[in-house]
C-alpha cells in the first residue's frame, strides 16, 4: 500500500520512475506479483525485480520458520519478529547501485515513523546516515558529481493520511497487498501487524478497505 502510494507521488511530481522490487524469499511472495501489476498499470518507465535470497540468513518470521506475530499489543515498543536483519539497508544499497548506473539522483523510500511496527531501519536518523553513506561510498559521490537524496514523503504521515493521499492521486488499493502471512491463495489474514495497521488506517480515514480478509477484526 505504501509503495503504491509512493509511486503515485513520484509520478505526480513529474519524476520518470524506475521501480525496484526485491524478491528476498519473503513468505508473502504475492507482493511481487502485485508490484509488477502496479508498476505496469501506473506507468513506471522500468521495473526491475531482483532476487536477493535472505532465507539463508533467516532470523525473521518473514524469511524463517518462525511464527508471524498475530494480535500484537498496539504501540508495542518491542521490535517484532517480522523485522528482517538489515533489510532496508540492503534494499537501499541496491537502489543506490541502480540509481548510480542509470544516472538518477533521487531514491524514493516508503519509510514511515507514525503508524508502523517499530523497525529501526525506518527512522529519520537511518535515512540521514544512508545519505552520508551514498555520498562517500559511490564513485559519483566521491567525485562530487552526484548528491543522492533519499526522498521519504510518507515518513510523518499516518496510515489514514497515506490512504487519502493515494486516493487523491488515483491509487486503486484493491490492487495492493500488505499481509505478512497470507493464505494459500493470497488472501490477507487480517490479524498480523501489517493487516491491522492497514485496516486501522482505513477505519481512521472513514473508509472500507477493498480487500477481502480471512478475519476482519
N, C-alpha and C. Protein backbone atom coordinates (compact mmCIF):
# COMPACT_ATOMS: atom_id res chain seq x y z
N UNK A 1 0.83 -1.20 0.00
CA UNK A 1 0.00 0.00 0.00
C UNK A 1 0.86 1.25 0.00
N UNK A 2 1.87 1.29 0.87
CA UNK A 2 2.75 2.46 0.94
C UNK A 2 3.53 2.62 -0.36
N UNK A 3 4.03 1.52 -0.91
CA UNK A 3 4.83 1.60 -2.13
C UNK A 3 4.01 2.09 -3.31
N UNK A 4 2.75 1.65 -3.40
CA UNK A 4 1.88 2.12 -4.49
C UNK A 4 1.62 3.61 -4.36
N UNK A 5 1.42 4.07 -3.12
CA UNK A 5 1.23 5.50 -2.87
C UNK A 5 2.49 6.27 -3.23
N UNK A 6 3.63 5.72 -2.85
CA UNK A 6 4.91 6.36 -3.14
C UNK A 6 5.12 6.50 -4.64
N UNK A 7 4.80 5.46 -5.40
CA UNK A 7 4.90 5.52 -6.85
C UNK A 7 4.03 6.63 -7.42
N UNK A 8 2.79 6.72 -6.93
CA UNK A 8 1.87 7.75 -7.41
C UNK A 8 2.39 9.15 -7.10
N UNK A 9 2.97 9.33 -5.92
CA UNK A 9 3.52 10.63 -5.53
C UNK A 9 4.68 11.02 -6.45
N UNK A 10 5.59 10.09 -6.69
CA UNK A 10 6.74 10.37 -7.55
C UNK A 10 6.29 10.74 -8.96
N UNK A 11 5.33 10.01 -9.49
CA UNK A 11 4.82 10.30 -10.83
C UNK A 11 4.13 11.66 -10.87
N UNK A 12 3.36 11.96 -9.82
CA UNK A 12 2.66 13.25 -9.77
C UNK A 12 3.63 14.42 -9.70
N UNK A 13 4.82 14.19 -9.13
CA UNK A 13 5.83 15.23 -9.04
C UNK A 13 6.67 15.35 -10.30
N UNK A 14 6.33 14.55 -11.31
CA UNK A 14 6.99 14.66 -12.60
C UNK A 14 8.22 13.80 -12.78
N UNK A 15 8.46 12.88 -11.87
CA UNK A 15 9.62 12.00 -12.00
C UNK A 15 9.38 10.89 -13.02
N UNK A 16 10.43 10.52 -13.72
CA UNK A 16 10.44 9.29 -14.51
C UNK A 16 10.86 8.19 -13.55
N UNK A 17 9.97 7.24 -13.32
CA UNK A 17 10.19 6.27 -12.24
C UNK A 17 10.74 4.94 -12.78
N UNK A 18 11.83 4.52 -12.17
CA UNK A 18 12.39 3.19 -12.42
C UNK A 18 12.16 2.39 -11.14
N UNK A 19 11.13 1.57 -11.16
CA UNK A 19 10.70 0.86 -9.95
C UNK A 19 11.62 -0.33 -9.66
N UNK A 20 11.73 -0.64 -8.37
CA UNK A 20 12.57 -1.74 -7.91
C UNK A 20 11.81 -2.58 -6.90
N UNK A 21 11.77 -3.87 -7.14
CA UNK A 21 11.16 -4.82 -6.19
C UNK A 21 12.19 -5.90 -5.88
N UNK A 22 12.30 -6.24 -4.61
CA UNK A 22 13.27 -7.26 -4.19
C UNK A 22 12.54 -8.54 -3.78
N UNK A 23 12.89 -9.63 -4.45
CA UNK A 23 12.43 -10.96 -4.06
C UNK A 23 13.49 -11.51 -3.10
N UNK A 24 13.20 -11.41 -1.79
CA UNK A 24 14.21 -11.82 -0.81
C UNK A 24 13.85 -13.12 -0.09
N UNK A 25 12.89 -13.86 -0.66
CA UNK A 25 12.48 -15.12 -0.05
C UNK A 25 11.38 -14.94 0.96
N UNK A 26 10.70 -13.79 0.91
CA UNK A 26 9.64 -13.50 1.86
C UNK A 26 8.45 -14.45 1.70
N UNK A 27 7.83 -14.78 2.81
CA UNK A 27 6.69 -15.70 2.76
C UNK A 27 5.50 -15.08 2.03
N UNK A 28 5.40 -13.73 2.03
CA UNK A 28 4.31 -13.05 1.32
C UNK A 28 4.78 -12.68 -0.10
N UNK A 29 5.22 -13.71 -0.83
CA UNK A 29 5.77 -13.51 -2.17
C UNK A 29 4.73 -12.95 -3.14
N UNK A 30 3.45 -13.04 -2.78
CA UNK A 30 2.40 -12.49 -3.63
C UNK A 30 2.61 -10.99 -3.88
N UNK A 31 3.31 -10.29 -2.97
CA UNK A 31 3.52 -8.86 -3.15
C UNK A 31 4.32 -8.56 -4.42
N UNK A 32 5.14 -9.51 -4.86
CA UNK A 32 5.92 -9.29 -6.07
C UNK A 32 5.01 -9.27 -7.30
N UNK A 33 4.06 -10.19 -7.34
CA UNK A 33 3.09 -10.21 -8.43
C UNK A 33 2.29 -8.91 -8.46
N UNK A 34 1.86 -8.46 -7.29
CA UNK A 34 1.10 -7.21 -7.22
C UNK A 34 1.97 -6.02 -7.64
N UNK A 35 3.23 -6.03 -7.24
CA UNK A 35 4.13 -4.93 -7.59
C UNK A 35 4.31 -4.83 -9.11
N UNK A 36 4.42 -5.97 -9.77
CA UNK A 36 4.55 -5.97 -11.24
C UNK A 36 3.32 -5.31 -11.88
N UNK A 37 2.17 -5.69 -11.39
CA UNK A 37 0.92 -5.14 -11.95
C UNK A 37 0.81 -3.64 -11.70
N UNK A 38 1.15 -3.21 -10.51
CA UNK A 38 1.04 -1.79 -10.16
C UNK A 38 2.02 -0.95 -10.99
N UNK A 39 3.26 -1.42 -11.11
CA UNK A 39 4.25 -0.68 -11.89
C UNK A 39 3.81 -0.56 -13.34
N UNK A 40 3.25 -1.63 -13.87
CA UNK A 40 2.79 -1.62 -15.26
C UNK A 40 1.57 -0.71 -15.43
N UNK A 41 0.64 -0.80 -14.49
CA UNK A 41 -0.61 -0.04 -14.59
C UNK A 41 -0.37 1.46 -14.49
N UNK A 42 0.51 1.86 -13.58
CA UNK A 42 0.68 3.29 -13.32
C UNK A 42 1.81 3.94 -14.10
N UNK A 43 2.46 3.18 -14.97
CA UNK A 43 3.38 3.80 -15.93
C UNK A 43 4.80 4.01 -15.47
N UNK A 44 5.35 3.08 -14.69
CA UNK A 44 6.78 3.16 -14.38
C UNK A 44 7.57 2.98 -15.67
N UNK A 45 8.63 3.74 -15.81
CA UNK A 45 9.48 3.65 -17.01
C UNK A 45 10.08 2.27 -17.14
N UNK A 46 10.50 1.72 -16.02
CA UNK A 46 11.02 0.35 -15.98
C UNK A 46 10.70 -0.24 -14.61
N UNK A 47 10.81 -1.55 -14.52
CA UNK A 47 10.58 -2.21 -13.24
C UNK A 47 11.53 -3.39 -13.13
N UNK A 48 12.50 -3.28 -12.25
CA UNK A 48 13.46 -4.35 -12.02
C UNK A 48 13.02 -5.17 -10.82
N UNK A 49 12.88 -6.48 -11.03
CA UNK A 49 12.62 -7.41 -9.93
C UNK A 49 13.89 -8.22 -9.73
N UNK A 50 14.52 -8.03 -8.60
CA UNK A 50 15.83 -8.63 -8.35
C UNK A 50 15.74 -9.62 -7.20
N UNK A 51 16.36 -10.78 -7.38
CA UNK A 51 16.36 -11.81 -6.32
C UNK A 51 17.60 -11.68 -5.45
N UNK A 52 17.38 -11.51 -4.16
CA UNK A 52 18.46 -11.49 -3.17
C UNK A 52 17.97 -12.36 -2.01
N UNK A 53 18.29 -13.62 -2.02
CA UNK A 53 17.70 -14.58 -1.09
C UNK A 53 18.26 -14.38 0.33
N UNK A 54 17.41 -13.90 1.23
CA UNK A 54 17.80 -13.69 2.62
C UNK A 54 17.39 -14.84 3.53
N UNK A 55 16.83 -15.89 2.94
CA UNK A 55 16.42 -17.02 3.78
C UNK A 55 17.62 -17.74 4.37
N UNK A 56 18.77 -17.65 3.70
CA UNK A 56 19.98 -18.28 4.23
C UNK A 56 20.44 -17.62 5.51
N UNK A 57 20.14 -16.33 5.66
CA UNK A 57 20.46 -15.62 6.90
C UNK A 57 19.38 -15.87 7.93
N UNK A 58 18.11 -15.78 7.49
CA UNK A 58 16.99 -16.06 8.39
C UNK A 58 16.87 -15.02 9.49
N UNK A 59 16.38 -15.47 10.64
CA UNK A 59 16.26 -14.57 11.78
C UNK A 59 15.02 -13.71 11.78
N UNK A 60 14.09 -13.98 10.87
CA UNK A 60 12.85 -13.21 10.78
C UNK A 60 11.71 -14.15 10.48
N UNK A 61 10.53 -13.81 10.99
CA UNK A 61 9.37 -14.64 10.69
C UNK A 61 8.91 -14.49 9.24
N UNK A 62 9.51 -13.55 8.50
CA UNK A 62 9.19 -13.42 7.08
C UNK A 62 10.10 -14.27 6.20
N UNK A 63 11.24 -14.71 6.76
CA UNK A 63 12.20 -15.47 5.96
C UNK A 63 12.63 -16.79 6.62
N UNK A 64 12.04 -17.10 7.75
CA UNK A 64 12.47 -18.27 8.51
C UNK A 64 11.24 -18.98 9.05
N UNK A 65 11.47 -20.13 9.64
CA UNK A 65 10.36 -20.92 10.20
C UNK A 65 10.04 -20.42 11.60
N UNK A 66 9.57 -19.18 11.65
CA UNK A 66 9.21 -18.52 12.90
C UNK A 66 7.78 -17.99 12.72
N UNK A 67 6.89 -18.20 13.68
CA UNK A 67 5.51 -17.74 13.51
C UNK A 67 5.41 -16.22 13.35
N UNK A 68 4.55 -15.78 12.47
CA UNK A 68 4.27 -14.35 12.31
C UNK A 68 3.43 -13.89 13.50
N UNK A 69 3.80 -12.81 14.17
CA UNK A 69 3.01 -12.33 15.31
C UNK A 69 1.59 -11.98 14.89
N UNK A 70 0.64 -12.33 15.72
CA UNK A 70 -0.76 -12.02 15.46
C UNK A 70 -1.37 -11.36 16.69
N UNK A 71 -2.20 -10.37 16.45
CA UNK A 71 -2.88 -9.63 17.51
C UNK A 71 -1.89 -9.10 18.55
N UNK A 72 -0.76 -8.58 18.07
CA UNK A 72 0.23 -7.99 18.96
C UNK A 72 -0.34 -6.74 19.62
N UNK A 73 0.10 -6.45 20.82
CA UNK A 73 -0.40 -5.29 21.56
C UNK A 73 -0.12 -4.01 20.77
N UNK A 74 -1.14 -3.17 20.56
CA UNK A 74 -0.93 -1.92 19.82
C UNK A 74 0.15 -1.05 20.45
N UNK A 75 0.93 -0.41 19.59
CA UNK A 75 2.00 0.52 20.00
C UNK A 75 3.03 -0.15 20.90
N UNK A 76 3.22 -1.46 20.74
CA UNK A 76 4.28 -2.15 21.47
C UNK A 76 5.64 -1.59 21.07
N UNK A 77 6.52 -1.40 22.05
CA UNK A 77 7.83 -0.83 21.78
C UNK A 77 8.87 -1.90 21.42
N UNK A 78 8.48 -3.14 21.47
CA UNK A 78 9.41 -4.20 21.10
C UNK A 78 9.48 -4.32 19.58
N UNK A 79 10.66 -4.64 19.08
CA UNK A 79 10.82 -4.84 17.64
C UNK A 79 10.32 -6.24 17.32
N UNK A 80 9.32 -6.37 16.44
CA UNK A 80 8.69 -7.67 16.21
C UNK A 80 9.57 -8.62 15.41
N UNK A 81 9.19 -9.89 15.42
CA UNK A 81 9.97 -10.90 14.70
C UNK A 81 9.86 -10.74 13.19
N UNK A 82 8.96 -9.89 12.71
CA UNK A 82 8.88 -9.63 11.27
C UNK A 82 10.01 -8.71 10.80
N UNK A 83 10.79 -8.17 11.73
CA UNK A 83 11.98 -7.41 11.33
C UNK A 83 12.95 -8.35 10.64
N UNK A 84 13.37 -7.97 9.43
CA UNK A 84 14.36 -8.76 8.68
C UNK A 84 15.72 -8.09 8.85
N UNK A 85 16.72 -8.79 9.37
CA UNK A 85 18.00 -8.17 9.65
C UNK A 85 18.55 -7.34 8.48
N UNK A 86 18.71 -6.03 8.75
CA UNK A 86 19.32 -5.08 7.81
C UNK A 86 18.59 -5.00 6.47
N UNK A 87 17.32 -5.34 6.43
CA UNK A 87 16.62 -5.40 5.14
C UNK A 87 16.64 -4.07 4.39
N UNK A 88 16.27 -2.99 5.06
CA UNK A 88 16.22 -1.72 4.34
C UNK A 88 17.61 -1.20 3.97
N UNK A 89 18.62 -1.56 4.75
CA UNK A 89 19.99 -1.22 4.37
C UNK A 89 20.36 -1.93 3.08
N UNK A 90 20.00 -3.19 2.99
CA UNK A 90 20.26 -3.97 1.77
C UNK A 90 19.46 -3.42 0.60
N UNK A 91 18.17 -3.15 0.83
CA UNK A 91 17.32 -2.66 -0.26
C UNK A 91 17.80 -1.31 -0.78
N UNK A 92 18.10 -0.40 0.14
CA UNK A 92 18.54 0.93 -0.29
C UNK A 92 19.91 0.87 -0.97
N UNK A 93 20.76 -0.06 -0.57
CA UNK A 93 22.05 -0.22 -1.23
C UNK A 93 21.86 -0.67 -2.68
N UNK A 94 20.92 -1.56 -2.90
CA UNK A 94 20.62 -2.00 -4.26
C UNK A 94 20.01 -0.85 -5.06
N UNK A 95 19.10 -0.11 -4.43
CA UNK A 95 18.50 1.05 -5.10
C UNK A 95 19.56 2.09 -5.45
N UNK A 96 20.53 2.27 -4.56
CA UNK A 96 21.63 3.21 -4.80
C UNK A 96 22.47 2.76 -5.99
N UNK A 97 22.76 1.47 -6.06
CA UNK A 97 23.53 0.94 -7.19
C UNK A 97 22.78 1.17 -8.51
N UNK A 98 21.48 0.93 -8.49
CA UNK A 98 20.67 1.16 -9.69
C UNK A 98 20.66 2.64 -10.05
N UNK A 99 20.49 3.49 -9.04
CA UNK A 99 20.46 4.94 -9.29
C UNK A 99 21.76 5.42 -9.90
N UNK A 100 22.89 4.92 -9.38
CA UNK A 100 24.18 5.35 -9.91
C UNK A 100 24.35 4.90 -11.36
N UNK A 101 23.88 3.71 -11.67
CA UNK A 101 24.03 3.19 -13.03
C UNK A 101 23.19 3.96 -14.04
N UNK A 102 21.96 4.33 -13.67
CA UNK A 102 21.06 4.99 -14.63
C UNK A 102 21.12 6.51 -14.52
N UNK A 103 22.06 7.01 -13.71
CA UNK A 103 22.26 8.45 -13.56
C UNK A 103 21.07 9.13 -12.90
N UNK A 104 20.47 8.46 -11.94
CA UNK A 104 19.39 9.05 -11.15
C UNK A 104 19.97 9.60 -9.85
N UNK A 105 19.29 10.57 -9.26
CA UNK A 105 19.79 11.20 -8.04
C UNK A 105 18.80 11.10 -6.88
N UNK A 106 17.56 10.78 -7.19
CA UNK A 106 16.52 10.72 -6.16
C UNK A 106 16.05 9.29 -5.97
N UNK A 107 16.10 8.82 -4.73
CA UNK A 107 15.64 7.48 -4.39
C UNK A 107 14.44 7.63 -3.47
N UNK A 108 13.28 7.19 -3.94
CA UNK A 108 12.06 7.28 -3.14
C UNK A 108 11.94 6.04 -2.25
N UNK A 109 11.71 6.29 -0.96
CA UNK A 109 11.72 5.25 0.06
C UNK A 109 10.45 5.38 0.91
N UNK A 110 9.70 4.30 1.04
CA UNK A 110 8.39 4.37 1.70
C UNK A 110 8.40 4.22 3.20
N UNK A 111 9.45 4.67 3.86
CA UNK A 111 9.53 4.56 5.32
C UNK A 111 8.47 5.41 5.99
N UNK A 112 8.04 4.96 7.17
CA UNK A 112 7.02 5.68 7.94
C UNK A 112 7.29 5.50 9.42
N UNK A 113 7.20 6.59 10.19
CA UNK A 113 7.50 6.51 11.63
C UNK A 113 6.29 6.78 12.51
N UNK A 114 5.12 6.94 11.91
CA UNK A 114 3.92 7.24 12.70
C UNK A 114 3.15 5.96 12.99
N UNK A 115 2.56 5.38 11.97
CA UNK A 115 1.86 4.10 12.13
C UNK A 115 2.73 3.02 11.52
N UNK A 116 3.59 2.39 12.34
CA UNK A 116 4.47 1.36 11.82
C UNK A 116 4.75 0.35 12.93
N UNK A 117 5.52 -0.70 12.61
CA UNK A 117 5.70 -1.80 13.54
C UNK A 117 6.94 -1.69 14.40
N UNK A 118 7.65 -0.57 14.37
CA UNK A 118 8.78 -0.38 15.25
C UNK A 118 10.13 -0.76 14.66
N UNK A 119 10.26 -0.76 13.34
CA UNK A 119 11.52 -1.13 12.71
C UNK A 119 12.55 0.00 12.81
N UNK A 120 13.78 -0.29 13.23
CA UNK A 120 14.79 0.76 13.35
C UNK A 120 15.26 1.30 12.01
N UNK A 121 15.10 0.52 10.94
CA UNK A 121 15.57 0.98 9.63
C UNK A 121 14.49 1.73 8.84
N UNK A 122 13.58 2.36 9.60
CA UNK A 122 12.59 3.27 9.00
C UNK A 122 12.71 4.66 9.63
N UNK A 123 13.75 4.87 10.42
CA UNK A 123 13.85 6.10 11.20
C UNK A 123 14.50 7.23 10.41
N UNK A 124 14.22 8.49 10.79
CA UNK A 124 14.88 9.64 10.13
C UNK A 124 16.40 9.57 10.26
N UNK A 125 16.92 9.11 11.41
CA UNK A 125 18.37 9.04 11.59
C UNK A 125 18.99 8.00 10.66
N UNK A 126 18.28 6.92 10.41
CA UNK A 126 18.75 5.91 9.46
C UNK A 126 18.84 6.50 8.06
N UNK A 127 17.82 7.25 7.67
CA UNK A 127 17.80 7.85 6.33
C UNK A 127 18.94 8.84 6.17
N UNK A 128 19.16 9.68 7.17
CA UNK A 128 20.26 10.66 7.10
C UNK A 128 21.61 9.96 7.00
N UNK A 129 21.77 8.89 7.78
CA UNK A 129 23.03 8.15 7.76
C UNK A 129 23.26 7.51 6.39
N UNK A 130 22.18 7.03 5.78
CA UNK A 130 22.35 6.38 4.48
C UNK A 130 22.71 7.41 3.40
N UNK A 131 22.20 8.61 3.52
CA UNK A 131 22.58 9.65 2.56
C UNK A 131 24.07 9.96 2.65
N UNK A 132 24.61 9.93 3.87
CA UNK A 132 26.05 10.14 4.04
C UNK A 132 26.81 8.98 3.39
N UNK A 133 26.35 7.77 3.63
CA UNK A 133 26.97 6.59 3.01
C UNK A 133 26.95 6.71 1.49
N UNK A 134 25.82 7.14 0.94
CA UNK A 134 25.69 7.28 -0.51
C UNK A 134 26.68 8.29 -1.06
N UNK A 135 26.94 9.33 -0.29
CA UNK A 135 27.84 10.37 -0.76
C UNK A 135 29.30 9.92 -0.76
N UNK A 136 29.69 9.15 0.26
CA UNK A 136 31.10 8.78 0.36
C UNK A 136 31.40 7.39 -0.18
N UNK A 137 30.35 6.60 -0.45
CA UNK A 137 30.57 5.21 -0.84
C UNK A 137 30.28 4.90 -2.30
N UNK A 138 30.10 5.93 -3.12
CA UNK A 138 29.86 5.71 -4.54
C UNK A 138 30.88 6.50 -5.36
N UNK A 139 31.14 6.05 -6.56
CA UNK A 139 32.07 6.77 -7.43
C UNK A 139 31.57 8.18 -7.74
N UNK A 140 30.27 8.27 -8.09
CA UNK A 140 29.71 9.57 -8.45
C UNK A 140 29.74 10.54 -7.26
N UNK A 141 29.48 10.00 -6.08
CA UNK A 141 29.51 10.84 -4.89
C UNK A 141 30.91 11.28 -4.53
N UNK A 142 31.86 10.34 -4.58
CA UNK A 142 33.25 10.64 -4.23
C UNK A 142 33.87 11.66 -5.17
N UNK A 143 33.46 11.63 -6.44
CA UNK A 143 33.98 12.58 -7.43
C UNK A 143 33.25 13.91 -7.40
N UNK A 144 32.24 14.01 -6.53
CA UNK A 144 31.48 15.25 -6.43
C UNK A 144 30.52 15.46 -7.59
N UNK A 145 30.23 14.41 -8.33
CA UNK A 145 29.34 14.52 -9.48
C UNK A 145 27.87 14.32 -9.11
N UNK A 146 27.63 13.74 -7.94
CA UNK A 146 26.26 13.43 -7.57
C UNK A 146 26.04 13.58 -6.07
N UNK A 147 24.87 14.05 -5.71
CA UNK A 147 24.45 14.07 -4.32
C UNK A 147 23.11 13.34 -4.26
N UNK A 148 23.17 12.10 -3.84
CA UNK A 148 21.97 11.28 -3.82
C UNK A 148 21.05 11.71 -2.66
N UNK A 149 19.76 11.76 -2.95
CA UNK A 149 18.77 12.18 -1.96
C UNK A 149 17.77 11.06 -1.74
N UNK A 150 17.59 10.67 -0.48
CA UNK A 150 16.56 9.69 -0.12
C UNK A 150 15.29 10.47 0.17
N UNK A 151 14.31 10.33 -0.66
CA UNK A 151 13.05 11.07 -0.51
C UNK A 151 12.02 10.16 0.15
N UNK A 152 11.50 10.61 1.29
CA UNK A 152 10.57 9.80 2.09
C UNK A 152 9.31 10.61 2.40
N UNK A 153 8.46 10.84 1.40
CA UNK A 153 7.29 11.70 1.61
C UNK A 153 6.24 11.12 2.54
N UNK A 154 6.34 9.83 2.87
CA UNK A 154 5.36 9.20 3.78
C UNK A 154 5.84 9.20 5.22
N UNK A 155 7.02 9.70 5.48
CA UNK A 155 7.70 9.49 6.75
C UNK A 155 6.86 9.89 7.96
N UNK A 156 6.21 11.04 7.90
CA UNK A 156 5.48 11.55 9.07
C UNK A 156 3.96 11.53 8.87
N UNK A 157 3.49 10.72 7.94
CA UNK A 157 2.05 10.60 7.70
C UNK A 157 1.48 9.41 8.44
N UNK A 158 0.25 9.53 8.91
CA UNK A 158 -0.45 8.37 9.45
C UNK A 158 -0.91 7.51 8.29
N UNK A 159 -1.31 6.28 8.59
CA UNK A 159 -1.83 5.41 7.52
C UNK A 159 -3.06 6.02 6.88
N UNK A 160 -3.89 6.65 7.68
CA UNK A 160 -5.09 7.29 7.13
C UNK A 160 -4.71 8.39 6.15
N UNK A 161 -3.70 9.17 6.50
CA UNK A 161 -3.25 10.25 5.60
C UNK A 161 -2.63 9.69 4.33
N UNK A 162 -1.91 8.58 4.47
CA UNK A 162 -1.32 7.93 3.29
C UNK A 162 -2.43 7.45 2.35
N UNK A 163 -3.45 6.83 2.92
CA UNK A 163 -4.57 6.33 2.12
C UNK A 163 -5.28 7.47 1.40
N UNK A 164 -5.56 8.55 2.12
CA UNK A 164 -6.23 9.69 1.50
C UNK A 164 -5.39 10.31 0.39
N UNK A 165 -4.08 10.38 0.63
CA UNK A 165 -3.18 10.92 -0.38
C UNK A 165 -3.19 10.05 -1.63
N UNK A 166 -3.10 8.75 -1.43
CA UNK A 166 -3.12 7.83 -2.55
C UNK A 166 -4.41 7.90 -3.35
N UNK A 167 -5.53 7.95 -2.64
CA UNK A 167 -6.81 8.02 -3.33
C UNK A 167 -6.93 9.31 -4.13
N UNK A 168 -6.38 10.40 -3.60
CA UNK A 168 -6.42 11.68 -4.33
C UNK A 168 -5.60 11.62 -5.61
N UNK A 169 -4.66 10.67 -5.67
CA UNK A 169 -3.81 10.51 -6.85
C UNK A 169 -4.26 9.34 -7.72
N UNK A 170 -5.40 8.74 -7.38
CA UNK A 170 -5.97 7.69 -8.20
C UNK A 170 -5.47 6.29 -7.93
N UNK A 171 -4.88 6.04 -6.77
CA UNK A 171 -4.38 4.71 -6.45
C UNK A 171 -5.55 3.77 -6.17
N UNK A 172 -5.52 2.60 -6.78
CA UNK A 172 -6.51 1.56 -6.53
C UNK A 172 -5.94 0.61 -5.49
N UNK A 173 -6.36 0.75 -4.24
CA UNK A 173 -5.79 -0.08 -3.18
C UNK A 173 -6.27 -1.53 -3.24
N UNK A 174 -7.23 -1.79 -4.10
CA UNK A 174 -7.64 -3.17 -4.33
C UNK A 174 -6.57 -3.97 -5.05
N UNK A 175 -5.62 -3.27 -5.67
CA UNK A 175 -4.51 -3.93 -6.38
C UNK A 175 -3.34 -4.23 -5.46
N UNK A 176 -3.36 -3.66 -4.26
CA UNK A 176 -2.20 -3.77 -3.38
C UNK A 176 -2.30 -4.97 -2.44
N UNK A 177 -1.17 -5.26 -1.80
CA UNK A 177 -1.13 -6.36 -0.83
C UNK A 177 -0.24 -5.93 0.33
N UNK A 178 -0.68 -6.19 1.55
CA UNK A 178 0.08 -5.77 2.73
C UNK A 178 0.36 -6.89 3.72
N UNK A 179 -0.38 -7.98 3.65
CA UNK A 179 -0.34 -9.03 4.67
C UNK A 179 1.01 -9.74 4.73
N UNK A 180 1.48 -9.99 5.96
CA UNK A 180 2.72 -10.72 6.18
C UNK A 180 2.54 -12.24 6.09
N UNK A 181 1.31 -12.71 6.27
CA UNK A 181 1.09 -14.15 6.34
C UNK A 181 -0.19 -14.54 5.61
N UNK A 182 -0.23 -14.32 4.28
CA UNK A 182 -1.45 -14.59 3.53
C UNK A 182 -1.74 -16.08 3.40
N UNK A 183 -2.99 -16.40 3.09
CA UNK A 183 -3.39 -17.78 2.88
C UNK A 183 -2.84 -18.32 1.56
N UNK A 184 -3.12 -19.59 1.27
CA UNK A 184 -2.58 -20.23 0.07
C UNK A 184 -2.91 -19.49 -1.23
N UNK A 185 -4.05 -18.84 -1.29
CA UNK A 185 -4.45 -18.11 -2.49
C UNK A 185 -4.18 -16.61 -2.37
N UNK A 186 -3.40 -16.24 -1.37
CA UNK A 186 -3.02 -14.85 -1.22
C UNK A 186 -3.98 -14.01 -0.40
N UNK A 187 -5.00 -14.63 0.19
CA UNK A 187 -5.96 -13.87 0.97
C UNK A 187 -5.31 -13.35 2.25
N UNK A 188 -5.39 -12.04 2.53
CA UNK A 188 -4.76 -11.49 3.72
C UNK A 188 -5.40 -12.01 5.00
N UNK A 189 -4.57 -12.19 6.04
CA UNK A 189 -5.06 -12.81 7.27
C UNK A 189 -5.96 -11.88 8.09
N UNK A 190 -5.62 -10.58 8.10
CA UNK A 190 -6.43 -9.61 8.86
C UNK A 190 -5.98 -9.40 10.29
N UNK A 191 -5.02 -10.20 10.77
CA UNK A 191 -4.65 -10.10 12.19
C UNK A 191 -3.15 -9.95 12.43
N UNK A 192 -2.32 -9.97 11.38
CA UNK A 192 -0.89 -9.68 11.57
C UNK A 192 -0.72 -8.16 11.74
N UNK A 193 0.46 -7.73 12.14
CA UNK A 193 0.71 -6.30 12.36
C UNK A 193 0.36 -5.47 11.13
N UNK A 194 0.81 -5.94 9.97
CA UNK A 194 0.63 -5.17 8.75
C UNK A 194 -0.85 -5.03 8.38
N UNK A 195 -1.59 -6.12 8.49
CA UNK A 195 -3.04 -6.07 8.21
C UNK A 195 -3.74 -5.13 9.19
N UNK A 196 -3.39 -5.22 10.46
CA UNK A 196 -4.07 -4.41 11.46
C UNK A 196 -3.78 -2.92 11.27
N UNK A 197 -2.54 -2.59 10.94
CA UNK A 197 -2.20 -1.19 10.68
C UNK A 197 -2.95 -0.67 9.46
N UNK A 198 -3.02 -1.50 8.44
CA UNK A 198 -3.74 -1.12 7.22
C UNK A 198 -5.23 -0.91 7.50
N UNK A 199 -5.84 -1.87 8.18
CA UNK A 199 -7.27 -1.77 8.48
C UNK A 199 -7.57 -0.57 9.37
N UNK A 200 -6.69 -0.31 10.33
CA UNK A 200 -6.87 0.87 11.18
C UNK A 200 -6.80 2.14 10.35
N UNK A 201 -5.88 2.17 9.38
CA UNK A 201 -5.76 3.34 8.52
C UNK A 201 -7.04 3.62 7.75
N UNK A 202 -7.65 2.57 7.23
CA UNK A 202 -8.91 2.75 6.51
C UNK A 202 -10.03 3.18 7.45
N UNK A 203 -10.07 2.59 8.65
CA UNK A 203 -11.09 3.00 9.62
C UNK A 203 -10.93 4.46 9.99
N UNK A 204 -9.69 4.87 10.27
CA UNK A 204 -9.43 6.25 10.67
C UNK A 204 -9.75 7.23 9.55
N UNK A 205 -9.64 6.76 8.32
CA UNK A 205 -9.95 7.60 7.16
C UNK A 205 -11.45 7.60 6.85
N UNK A 206 -12.22 6.79 7.60
CA UNK A 206 -13.66 6.69 7.37
C UNK A 206 -14.00 5.91 6.12
N UNK A 207 -13.13 4.97 5.76
CA UNK A 207 -13.30 4.21 4.52
C UNK A 207 -13.23 2.72 4.81
N UNK A 208 -13.66 1.93 3.84
CA UNK A 208 -13.58 0.48 3.96
C UNK A 208 -12.50 -0.05 3.03
N UNK A 209 -11.63 -0.87 3.57
CA UNK A 209 -10.57 -1.48 2.78
C UNK A 209 -11.20 -2.39 1.71
N UNK A 210 -10.81 -2.25 0.45
CA UNK A 210 -11.41 -3.07 -0.61
C UNK A 210 -10.97 -4.53 -0.61
N UNK A 211 -9.95 -4.88 0.18
CA UNK A 211 -9.50 -6.27 0.20
C UNK A 211 -10.45 -7.14 1.02
N UNK A 212 -10.45 -8.43 0.70
CA UNK A 212 -11.26 -9.42 1.43
C UNK A 212 -10.35 -10.20 2.36
N UNK A 213 -10.60 -10.09 3.65
CA UNK A 213 -9.73 -10.68 4.67
C UNK A 213 -10.29 -12.01 5.19
N UNK A 214 -9.37 -12.88 5.60
CA UNK A 214 -9.78 -14.13 6.25
C UNK A 214 -10.46 -13.83 7.58
N UNK A 215 -9.95 -12.79 8.27
CA UNK A 215 -10.54 -12.32 9.51
C UNK A 215 -10.47 -10.81 9.52
N UNK A 216 -11.60 -10.16 9.75
CA UNK A 216 -11.61 -8.69 9.78
C UNK A 216 -11.96 -8.25 11.19
N UNK A 217 -10.94 -7.90 12.02
CA UNK A 217 -11.22 -7.54 13.42
C UNK A 217 -12.04 -6.27 13.53
